[in-house]
C-alpha atoms as a PDB file:
ATOM      1  CA  MET A   1     -40.185 -22.601 -25.195  1.00  0.00           C
ATOM      2  CA  ARG A   2     -43.439 -24.788 -26.378  1.00  0.00           C
ATOM      3  CA  LEU A   3     -41.447 -26.594 -28.671  1.00  0.00           C
ATOM      4  CA  PHE A   4     -38.974 -27.532 -26.334  1.00  0.00           C
ATOM      5  CA  ASP A   5     -41.985 -29.789 -25.088  1.00  0.00           C
ATOM      6  CA  ASP A   6     -42.687 -30.957 -28.584  1.00  0.00           C
ATOM      7  CA  VAL A   7     -39.746 -31.828 -29.952  1.00  0.00           C
ATOM      8  CA  GLY A   8     -36.590 -31.321 -27.281  1.00  0.00           C
ATOM      9  CA  PRO A   9     -34.198 -29.400 -26.795  1.00  0.00           C
ATOM     10  CA  SER A  10     -31.430 -31.109 -29.750  1.00  0.00           C
ATOM     11  CA  THR A  11     -33.863 -31.440 -32.513  1.00  0.00           C
ATOM     12  CA  LEU A  12     -34.757 -27.682 -32.039  1.00  0.00           C
ATOM     13  CA  ALA A  13     -31.046 -26.705 -32.022  1.00  0.00           C
ATOM     14  CA  TRP A  14     -30.835 -29.365 -35.006  1.00  0.00           C
ATOM     15  CA  LEU A  15     -33.664 -27.900 -37.007  1.00  0.00           C
ATOM     16  CA  ARG A  16     -32.931 -24.639 -36.557  1.00  0.00           C
ATOM     17  CA  VAL A  17     -29.106 -24.292 -37.855  1.00  0.00           C
ATOM     18  CA  LEU A  18     -30.808 -26.851 -40.578  1.00  0.00           C
ATOM     19  CA  VAL A  19     -33.472 -24.721 -41.957  1.00  0.00           C
ATOM     20  CA  GLY A  20     -31.311 -21.725 -41.335  1.00  0.00           C
ATOM     21  CA  GLY A  21     -28.646 -22.695 -44.181  1.00  0.00           C
ATOM     22  CA  LEU A  22     -31.053 -24.350 -46.490  1.00  0.00           C
ATOM     23  CA  VAL A  23     -33.236 -20.960 -46.672  1.00  0.00           C
ATOM     24  CA  LEU A  24     -29.752 -18.878 -47.219  1.00  0.00           C
ATOM     25  CA  LEU A  25     -28.641 -21.626 -49.690  1.00  0.00           C
ATOM     26  CA  VAL A  26     -31.820 -20.837 -51.586  1.00  0.00           C
ATOM     27  CA  VAL A  27     -31.538 -17.372 -51.290  1.00  0.00           C
ATOM     28  CA  VAL A  28     -27.985 -16.880 -51.832  1.00  0.00           C
ATOM     29  CA  GLY A  29     -26.311 -19.934 -53.931  1.00  0.00           C
ATOM     30  CA  PRO A  30     -22.959 -21.604 -52.388  1.00  0.00           C
ATOM     31  CA  ARG A  31     -20.760 -20.152 -54.784  1.00  0.00           C
ATOM     32  CA  GLY A  32     -20.637 -16.395 -53.369  1.00  0.00           C
ATOM     33  CA  ALA A  33     -18.587 -13.855 -55.383  1.00  0.00           C
ATOM     34  CA  VAL A  34     -15.225 -15.491 -55.789  1.00  0.00           C
ATOM     35  CA  PRO A  35     -14.753 -19.463 -56.387  1.00  0.00           C
ATOM     36  CA  TRP A  36     -14.103 -21.090 -53.252  1.00  0.00           C
ATOM     37  CA  ARG A  37     -10.615 -22.612 -52.323  1.00  0.00           C
ATOM     38  CA  ARG A  38     -10.166 -25.400 -49.498  1.00  0.00           C
ATOM     39  CA  ARG A  39      -8.712 -22.904 -47.209  1.00  0.00           C
ATOM     40  CA  ASP A  40     -12.544 -21.171 -47.361  1.00  0.00           C
ATOM     41  CA  ALA A  41     -14.109 -24.516 -47.298  1.00  0.00           C
ATOM     42  CA  VAL A  42     -12.405 -25.533 -44.494  1.00  0.00           C
ATOM     43  CA  LEU A  43     -13.249 -22.154 -42.262  1.00  0.00           C
ATOM     44  CA  ALA A  44     -17.070 -22.069 -43.607  1.00  0.00           C
ATOM     45  CA  VAL A  45     -17.591 -25.952 -41.902  1.00  0.00           C
ATOM     46  CA  THR A  46     -15.543 -24.869 -38.593  1.00  0.00           C
ATOM     47  CA  PHE A  47     -17.203 -22.238 -38.236  1.00  0.00           C
ATOM     48  CA  GLY A  48     -20.759 -23.755 -38.748  1.00  0.00           C
ATOM     49  CA  ALA A  49     -19.828 -26.862 -36.583  1.00  0.00           C
ATOM     50  CA  VAL A  50     -19.155 -24.318 -33.713  1.00  0.00           C
ATOM     51  CA  THR A  51     -22.332 -22.503 -34.447  1.00  0.00           C
ATOM     52  CA  ALA A  52     -24.300 -25.541 -34.678  1.00  0.00           C
ATOM     53  CA  LEU A  53     -22.456 -26.623 -30.635  1.00  0.00           C
ATOM     54  CA  MET A  54     -23.226 -23.689 -29.525  1.00  0.00           C
ATOM     55  CA  ASN A  55     -27.073 -24.031 -30.074  1.00  0.00           C
ATOM     56  CA  LEU A  56     -27.141 -27.396 -29.296  1.00  0.00           C
ATOM     57  CA  ALA A  57     -25.170 -26.540 -25.578  1.00  0.00           C
ATOM     58  CA  PHE A  58     -27.290 -23.193 -25.286  1.00  0.00           C
ATOM     59  CA  TYR A  59     -30.466 -25.189 -25.490  1.00  0.00           C
ATOM     60  CA  LEU A  60     -29.608 -28.377 -23.588  1.00  0.00           C
ATOM     61  CA  ALA A  61     -28.649 -25.974 -20.857  1.00  0.00           C
ATOM     62  CA  ILE A  62     -31.515 -23.424 -20.806  1.00  0.00           C
ATOM     63  CA  ASP A  63     -33.744 -26.725 -20.594  1.00  0.00           C
ATOM     64  CA  ARG A  64     -31.876 -27.085 -17.271  1.00  0.00           C
ATOM     65  CA  LEU A  65     -31.167 -23.424 -15.945  1.00  0.00           C
ATOM     66  CA  PRO A  66     -33.302 -20.215 -15.704  1.00  0.00           C
ATOM     67  CA  LEU A  67     -32.691 -18.276 -19.217  1.00  0.00           C
ATOM     68  CA  GLY A  68     -31.621 -14.840 -17.606  1.00  0.00           C
ATOM     69  CA  LYS A  69     -28.834 -17.074 -15.578  1.00  0.00           C
ATOM     70  CA  GLY A  70     -28.326 -18.853 -18.709  1.00  0.00           C
ATOM     71  CA  VAL A  71     -27.635 -15.779 -20.760  1.00  0.00           C
ATOM     72  CA  THR A  72     -25.515 -14.513 -17.793  1.00  0.00           C
ATOM     73  CA  ILE A  73     -22.966 -17.168 -17.757  1.00  0.00           C
ATOM     74  CA  GLU A  74     -22.764 -17.864 -21.522  1.00  0.00           C
ATOM     75  CA  PHE A  75     -21.551 -14.448 -21.807  1.00  0.00           C
ATOM     76  CA  ILE A  76     -18.445 -15.547 -20.180  1.00  0.00           C
ATOM     77  CA  GLY A  77     -17.212 -16.180 -24.043  1.00  0.00           C
ATOM     78  CA  PRO A  78     -17.719 -12.617 -25.744  1.00  0.00           C
ATOM     79  CA  ILE A  79     -16.314 -11.107 -22.340  1.00  0.00           C
ATOM     80  CA  ALA A  80     -13.315 -13.367 -23.052  1.00  0.00           C
ATOM     81  CA  VAL A  81     -12.972 -12.311 -26.466  1.00  0.00           C
ATOM     82  CA  ALA A  82     -13.506  -8.693 -26.195  1.00  0.00           C
ATOM     83  CA  ALA A  83     -10.718  -8.936 -23.837  1.00  0.00           C
ATOM     84  CA  ALA A  84      -8.287 -10.964 -25.542  1.00  0.00           C
ATOM     85  CA  THR A  85      -8.356  -7.684 -27.753  1.00  0.00           C
ATOM     86  CA  THR A  86      -8.774  -4.678 -25.974  1.00  0.00           C
ATOM     87  CA  ARG A  87      -5.297  -2.580 -26.225  1.00  0.00           C
ATOM     88  CA  THR A  88      -6.575   0.898 -24.665  1.00  0.00           C
ATOM     89  CA  GLY A  89      -7.096   2.105 -21.322  1.00  0.00           C
ATOM     90  CA  ARG A  90     -10.011   3.132 -22.115  1.00  0.00           C
ATOM     91  CA  ASN A  91     -11.308  -0.307 -23.865  1.00  0.00           C
ATOM     92  CA  ALA A  92     -10.536  -1.805 -20.642  1.00  0.00           C
ATOM     93  CA  GLY A  93     -12.757  -0.007 -18.688  1.00  0.00           C
ATOM     94  CA  ALA A  94     -15.165  -0.355 -20.987  1.00  0.00           C
ATOM     95  CA  LEU A  95     -15.152  -3.683 -20.782  1.00  0.00           C
ATOM     96  CA  LEU A  96     -14.920  -3.658 -17.002  1.00  0.00           C
ATOM     97  CA  LEU A  97     -18.363  -1.754 -17.010  1.00  0.00           C
ATOM     98  CA  ALA A  98     -20.375  -4.444 -19.704  1.00  0.00           C
ATOM     99  CA  ALA A  99     -18.855  -7.362 -17.435  1.00  0.00           C
ATOM    100  CA  ALA A 100     -19.779  -6.178 -14.172  1.00  0.00           C
ATOM    101  CA  GLY A 101     -23.440  -4.823 -15.369  1.00  0.00           C
ATOM    102  CA  VAL A 102     -23.878  -7.937 -17.117  1.00  0.00           C
ATOM    103  CA  VAL A 103     -23.054  -9.625 -13.657  1.00  0.00           C
ATOM    104  CA  VAL A 104     -25.672  -7.019 -11.782  1.00  0.00           C
ATOM    105  CA  LEU A 105     -28.693  -8.286 -14.412  1.00  0.00           C
ATOM    106  CA  GLY A 106     -28.084 -12.236 -14.533  1.00  0.00           C
ATOM    107  CA  GLY A 107     -27.128 -12.993 -10.686  1.00  0.00           C
ATOM    108  CA  VAL A 108     -24.675 -15.578 -10.094  1.00  0.00           C
ATOM    109  CA  GLU A 109     -26.920 -17.870  -8.961  1.00  0.00           C
ATOM    110  CA  ILE A 110     -27.088 -21.667 -10.858  1.00  0.00           C
ATOM    111  CA  GLY A 111     -29.023 -23.866  -8.647  1.00  0.00           C
ATOM    112  CA  ASP A 112     -27.994 -27.669  -8.180  1.00  0.00           C
ATOM    113  CA  GLU A 113     -27.642 -27.856 -12.045  1.00  0.00           C
ATOM    114  CA  PRO A 114     -23.885 -29.462 -12.526  1.00  0.00           C
ATOM    115  CA  LEU A 115     -25.407 -30.653 -16.085  1.00  0.00           C
ATOM    116  CA  GLY A 116     -26.784 -27.540 -16.969  1.00  0.00           C
ATOM    117  CA  LEU A 117     -24.017 -25.888 -15.779  1.00  0.00           C
ATOM    118  CA  ALA A 118     -21.267 -27.481 -17.613  1.00  0.00           C
ATOM    119  CA  PHE A 119     -23.688 -27.499 -20.979  1.00  0.00           C
ATOM    120  CA  ILE A 120     -23.763 -23.568 -20.496  1.00  0.00           C
ATOM    121  CA  LEU A 121     -20.282 -23.328 -20.321  1.00  0.00           C
ATOM    122  CA  LEU A 122     -19.495 -25.133 -23.364  1.00  0.00           C
ATOM    123  CA  ALA A 123     -22.290 -22.712 -25.262  1.00  0.00           C
ATOM    124  CA  SER A 124     -19.835 -19.764 -23.893  1.00  0.00           C
ATOM    125  CA  VAL A 125     -16.461 -21.403 -25.531  1.00  0.00           C
ATOM    126  CA  MET A 126     -18.557 -22.471 -28.788  1.00  0.00           C
ATOM    127  CA  TRP A 127     -19.922 -18.585 -28.618  1.00  0.00           C
ATOM    128  CA  ALA A 128     -16.108 -17.187 -28.244  1.00  0.00           C
ATOM    129  CA  GLY A 129     -15.483 -19.504 -31.359  1.00  0.00           C
ATOM    130  CA  TYR A 130     -18.292 -18.310 -33.405  1.00  0.00           C
ATOM    131  CA  ILE A 131     -17.178 -15.116 -32.919  1.00  0.00           C
ATOM    132  CA  VAL A 132     -13.878 -15.529 -34.185  1.00  0.00           C
ATOM    133  CA  ALA A 133     -14.428 -17.555 -36.431  1.00  0.00           C
ATOM    134  CA  GLY A 134     -17.332 -15.746 -37.825  1.00  0.00           C
ATOM    135  CA  SER A 135     -15.393 -12.752 -38.183  1.00  0.00           C
ATOM    136  CA  ARG A 136     -13.121 -14.559 -40.370  1.00  0.00           C
ATOM    137  CA  VAL A 137     -16.231 -15.969 -42.519  1.00  0.00           C
ATOM    138  CA  ALA A 138     -17.795 -12.116 -42.805  1.00  0.00           C
ATOM    139  CA  LEU A 139     -14.437 -10.549 -44.132  1.00  0.00           C
ATOM    140  CA  GLY A 140     -14.092 -13.411 -46.880  1.00  0.00           C
ATOM    141  CA  ASP A 141     -15.900 -11.403 -48.834  1.00  0.00           C
ATOM    142  CA  ARG A 142     -18.564 -13.991 -50.389  1.00  0.00           C
ATOM    143  CA  GLY A 143     -21.481 -12.112 -49.115  1.00  0.00           C
ATOM    144  CA  LEU A 144     -23.996 -14.626 -46.975  1.00  0.00           C
ATOM    145  CA  SER A 145     -22.637 -18.143 -48.715  1.00  0.00           C
ATOM    146  CA  GLY A 146     -20.189 -18.885 -46.267  1.00  0.00           C
ATOM    147  CA  LEU A 147     -22.739 -19.016 -43.681  1.00  0.00           C
ATOM    148  CA  ALA A 148     -25.072 -20.485 -45.371  1.00  0.00           C
ATOM    149  CA  VAL A 149     -22.697 -23.449 -46.532  1.00  0.00           C
ATOM    150  CA  GLY A 150     -21.158 -23.346 -42.864  1.00  0.00           C
ATOM    151  CA  LEU A 151     -24.790 -23.848 -41.051  1.00  0.00           C
ATOM    152  CA  VAL A 152     -25.420 -27.122 -43.461  1.00  0.00           C
ATOM    153  CA  ALA A 153     -22.351 -28.296 -42.454  1.00  0.00           C
ATOM    154  CA  GLY A 154     -22.989 -27.831 -39.088  1.00  0.00           C
ATOM    155  CA  SER A 155     -26.353 -29.170 -39.458  1.00  0.00           C
ATOM    156  CA  LEU A 156     -24.496 -32.759 -40.121  1.00  0.00           C
ATOM    157  CA  VAL A 157     -22.094 -32.262 -36.840  1.00  0.00           C
ATOM    158  CA  ILE A 158     -25.328 -32.313 -34.499  1.00  0.00           C
ATOM    159  CA  ALA A 159     -27.948 -33.995 -36.457  1.00  0.00           C
ATOM    160  CA  PRO A 160     -27.095 -37.432 -34.643  1.00  0.00           C
ATOM    161  CA  PHE A 161     -27.974 -35.177 -31.310  1.00  0.00           C
ATOM    162  CA  GLY A 162     -31.236 -34.045 -32.987  1.00  0.00           C
ATOM    163  CA  ALA A 163     -32.278 -36.145 -36.093  1.00  0.00           C
ATOM    164  CA  PRO A 164     -33.570 -38.957 -34.315  1.00  0.00           C
ATOM    165  CA  GLY A 165     -36.430 -36.886 -32.180  1.00  0.00           C
ATOM    166  CA  ALA A 166     -37.400 -34.886 -35.237  1.00  0.00           C
ATOM    167  CA  GLY A 167     -40.356 -37.009 -35.957  1.00  0.00           C
ATOM    168  CA  ALA A 168     -42.706 -35.498 -33.963  1.00  0.00           C
ATOM    169  CA  ALA A 169     -42.143 -31.751 -36.046  1.00  0.00           C
ATOM    170  CA  PHE A 170     -42.420 -33.721 -39.690  1.00  0.00           C
ATOM    171  CA  ALA A 171     -45.087 -35.504 -38.109  1.00  0.00           C
ATOM    172  CA  SER A 172     -47.051 -31.829 -37.298  1.00  0.00           C
ATOM    173  CA  PRO A 173     -47.474 -28.832 -39.741  1.00  0.00           C
ATOM    174  CA  GLY A 174     -47.781 -26.433 -37.124  1.00  0.00           C
ATOM    175  CA  ILE A 175     -44.536 -28.000 -34.969  1.00  0.00           C
ATOM    176  CA  LEU A 176     -42.645 -28.216 -38.179  1.00  0.00           C
ATOM    177  CA  ALA A 177     -44.466 -24.269 -39.228  1.00  0.00           C
ATOM    178  CA  GLY A 178     -43.027 -23.224 -35.649  1.00  0.00           C
ATOM    179  CA  CYS A 179     -39.488 -24.320 -36.048  1.00  0.00           C
ATOM    180  CA  ILE A 180     -38.674 -23.724 -39.357  1.00  0.00           C
ATOM    181  CA  ALA A 181     -39.769 -19.802 -37.941  1.00  0.00           C
ATOM    182  CA  VAL A 182     -36.768 -20.472 -35.721  1.00  0.00           C
ATOM    183  CA  GLY A 183     -34.886 -21.395 -37.911  1.00  0.00           C
ATOM    184  CA  VAL A 184     -35.389 -18.644 -40.220  1.00  0.00           C
ATOM    185  CA  LEU A 185     -35.656 -15.814 -37.633  1.00  0.00           C
ATOM    186  CA  SER A 186     -32.713 -16.907 -35.403  1.00  0.00           C
ATOM    187  CA  SER A 187     -30.461 -18.356 -37.686  1.00  0.00           C
ATOM    188  CA  ALA A 188     -30.639 -17.248 -41.330  1.00  0.00           C
ATOM    189  CA  ILE A 189     -31.777 -13.495 -40.477  1.00  0.00           C
ATOM    190  CA  ALA A 190     -29.823 -13.078 -37.022  1.00  0.00           C
ATOM    191  CA  TYR A 191     -26.644 -14.628 -38.376  1.00  0.00           C
ATOM    192  CA  GLY A 192     -26.749 -12.648 -41.319  1.00  0.00           C
ATOM    193  CA  ILE A 193     -26.979  -9.324 -39.614  1.00  0.00           C
ATOM    194  CA  ASP A 194     -23.664 -11.039 -37.565  1.00  0.00           C
ATOM    195  CA  GLN A 195     -22.202 -10.932 -40.897  1.00  0.00           C
ATOM    196  CA  GLY A 196     -22.539  -8.064 -42.027  1.00  0.00           C
ATOM    197  CA  VAL A 197     -21.761  -6.302 -38.691  1.00  0.00           C
ATOM    198  CA  LEU A 198     -18.554  -7.909 -38.227  1.00  0.00           C
ATOM    199  CA  ARG A 199     -18.019  -6.645 -41.385  1.00  0.00           C
ATOM    200  CA  ARG A 200     -17.566  -3.116 -40.494  1.00  0.00           C
ATOM    201  CA  ILE A 201     -16.314  -3.203 -37.029  1.00  0.00           C
ATOM    202  CA  PRO A 202     -13.746  -4.710 -34.546  1.00  0.00           C
ATOM    203  CA  VAL A 203     -14.217  -7.971 -33.004  1.00  0.00           C
ATOM    204  CA  ARG A 204     -13.648  -6.777 -29.715  1.00  0.00           C
ATOM    205  CA  ARG A 205     -16.585  -3.958 -30.493  1.00  0.00           C
ATOM    206  CA  PHE A 206     -19.033  -6.834 -31.533  1.00  0.00           C
ATOM    207  CA  SER A 207     -18.081  -8.698 -28.640  1.00  0.00           C
ATOM    208  CA  VAL A 208     -18.553  -5.760 -25.957  1.00  0.00           C
ATOM    209  CA  MET A 209     -22.169  -4.832 -27.570  1.00  0.00           C
ATOM    210  CA  LEU A 210     -23.487  -8.265 -27.413  1.00  0.00           C
ATOM    211  CA  ALA A 211     -23.746  -7.168 -23.175  1.00  0.00           C
ATOM    212  CA  LEU A 212     -26.449  -5.187 -24.737  1.00  0.00           C
ATOM    213  CA  LEU A 213     -28.322  -8.613 -25.005  1.00  0.00           C
ATOM    214  CA  PRO A 214     -29.273  -8.699 -21.321  1.00  0.00           C
ATOM    215  CA  VAL A 215     -30.788  -5.195 -21.268  1.00  0.00           C
ATOM    216  CA  THR A 216     -32.882  -6.191 -23.758  1.00  0.00           C
ATOM    217  CA  ALA A 217     -33.907  -9.385 -22.733  1.00  0.00           C
ATOM    218  CA  SER A 218     -34.891  -6.952 -19.763  1.00  0.00           C
ATOM    219  CA  VAL A 219     -37.129  -4.499 -21.419  1.00  0.00           C
ATOM    220  CA  PHE A 220     -38.587  -7.518 -23.600  1.00  0.00           C
ATOM    221  CA  GLY A 221     -39.855  -8.838 -19.864  1.00  0.00           C
ATOM    222  CA  LEU A 222     -41.142  -4.921 -19.036  1.00  0.00           C
ATOM    223  CA  VAL A 223     -43.231  -4.379 -22.183  1.00  0.00           C
ATOM    224  CA  PHE A 224     -44.717  -8.053 -23.208  1.00  0.00           C
ATOM    225  CA  LEU A 225     -44.208  -9.935 -19.325  1.00  0.00           C
ATOM    226  CA  GLY A 226     -45.056  -6.840 -17.310  1.00  0.00           C
ATOM    227  CA  GLN A 227     -41.595  -7.619 -15.612  1.00  0.00           C
ATOM    228  CA  ARG A 228     -40.692  -4.854 -13.970  1.00  0.00           C
ATOM    229  CA  PRO A 229     -36.915  -4.437 -13.327  1.00  0.00           C
ATOM    230  CA  ASN A 230     -35.675  -3.710  -9.650  1.00  0.00           C
ATOM    231  CA  ALA A 231     -33.213  -1.329  -8.691  1.00  0.00           C
ATOM    232  CA  LEU A 232     -30.290  -3.132  -9.154  1.00  0.00           C
ATOM    233  CA  ASP A 233     -31.218  -4.466 -12.507  1.00  0.00           C
ATOM    234  CA  THR A 234     -31.444  -0.635 -13.774  1.00  0.00           C
ATOM    235  CA  ALA A 235     -28.091  -0.122 -12.395  1.00  0.00           C
ATOM    236  CA  GLY A 236     -27.007  -3.160 -14.261  1.00  0.00           C
ATOM    237  CA  MET A 237     -28.796  -1.905 -17.482  1.00  0.00           C
ATOM    238  CA  ALA A 238     -26.842   1.050 -16.973  1.00  0.00           C
ATOM    239  CA  LEU A 239     -23.484   0.020 -16.455  1.00  0.00           C
ATOM    240  CA  VAL A 240     -23.856  -2.020 -19.462  1.00  0.00           C
ATOM    241  CA  LEU A 241     -25.104   1.301 -21.959  1.00  0.00           C
ATOM    242  CA  THR A 242     -21.893   2.840 -20.507  1.00  0.00           C
ATOM    243  CA  GLY A 243     -19.710   0.259 -21.001  1.00  0.00           C
ATOM    244  CA  VAL A 244     -20.576  -0.186 -24.800  1.00  0.00           C
ATOM    245  CA  ALA A 245     -20.588   4.220 -25.125  1.00  0.00           C
ATOM    246  CA  VAL A 246     -17.646   4.684 -23.954  1.00  0.00           C
ATOM    247  CA  GLN A 247     -15.520   2.440 -25.908  1.00  0.00           C
ATOM    248  CA  GLU A 248     -12.680   4.209 -27.890  1.00  0.00           C
ATOM    249  CA  ARG A 249     -13.601   4.558 -31.716  1.00  0.00           C
ATOM    250  CA  GLU A 250     -11.256   2.542 -34.240  1.00  0.00           C
ATOM    251  CA  ARG A 251      -9.794   4.620 -36.821  1.00  0.00           C
ATOM    252  CA  HIS A 252     -10.573   1.465 -39.554  1.00  0.00           C
ATOM    253  CA  HIS A 253     -13.922   0.072 -40.209  1.00  0.00           C
ATOM    254  CA  ARG A 254     -12.958  -3.755 -41.010  1.00  0.00           C
ATOM    255  CA  PRO A 255     -11.726  -5.641 -38.302  1.00  0.00           C
ATOM    256  CA  HIS A 256      -7.972  -5.714 -37.305  1.00  0.00           C
ATOM    257  CA  LEU A 257      -8.130 -10.305 -36.974  1.00  0.00           C
ATOM    258  CA  GLU A 258      -4.368 -10.365 -36.305  1.00  0.00           C
ATOM    259  CA  GLU A 259      -5.339  -9.038 -32.831  1.00  0.00           C
ATOM    260  CA  LEU A 260      -6.469 -12.182 -31.917  1.00  0.00           C
ATOM    261  CA  THR A 261      -3.242 -13.833 -32.248  1.00  0.00           C
ATOM    262  CA  ALA A 262      -0.687 -10.950 -31.274  1.00  0.00           C
END
């Protein structure tokens, strides 16, 4: 969180997206396996814009809200995607278990922060868009080129919010190195992994698996910060893990995007 104090949440979000896109462009290039069509470019730019706005809104939100509560509220987006693509009673039950577990883990208190709530709800909507558009980019058979182009385009969308405060980052090698590390780890690598996963599993299962994030945060808090979960937290983690485990396995490995429009 120190980078929030050094450059501010808007600038950090912008540098995260920009660095991630530039690094991927250097590594994989913009062309990909097949020539670009207009539809591919529009999809990549749309995905990049949604991703960039998701980061910007989330950073502005957690600058005002507790991280755990913010992540819980933001998870409304993936839950909505999972609900829209659920077709069986077993998957509906898995979704309910995961959603209940997240609510138990995060609680519902948000304090007197209406602006923070507005930002986290916007981030939630953008997260849903990230999953839907990201799955289409992942299935475009371009490797990571669509992600690279999308992130660079997305950085242009939020540049008016983040670029004006970037002077402090470029003036300090230490701060700039921290921002670059965030871009590489949280955008280039993390979103690259997401693309690989979205090529192999349905968007519904990917959305429900995101419920593991609050569980992971709780485990990291225990191991690295000495934050011991109470009985209620443990129950919430159990609900999430059960929901993820009992999902019905589809016969096909590639996501069925028509589920979102059926």
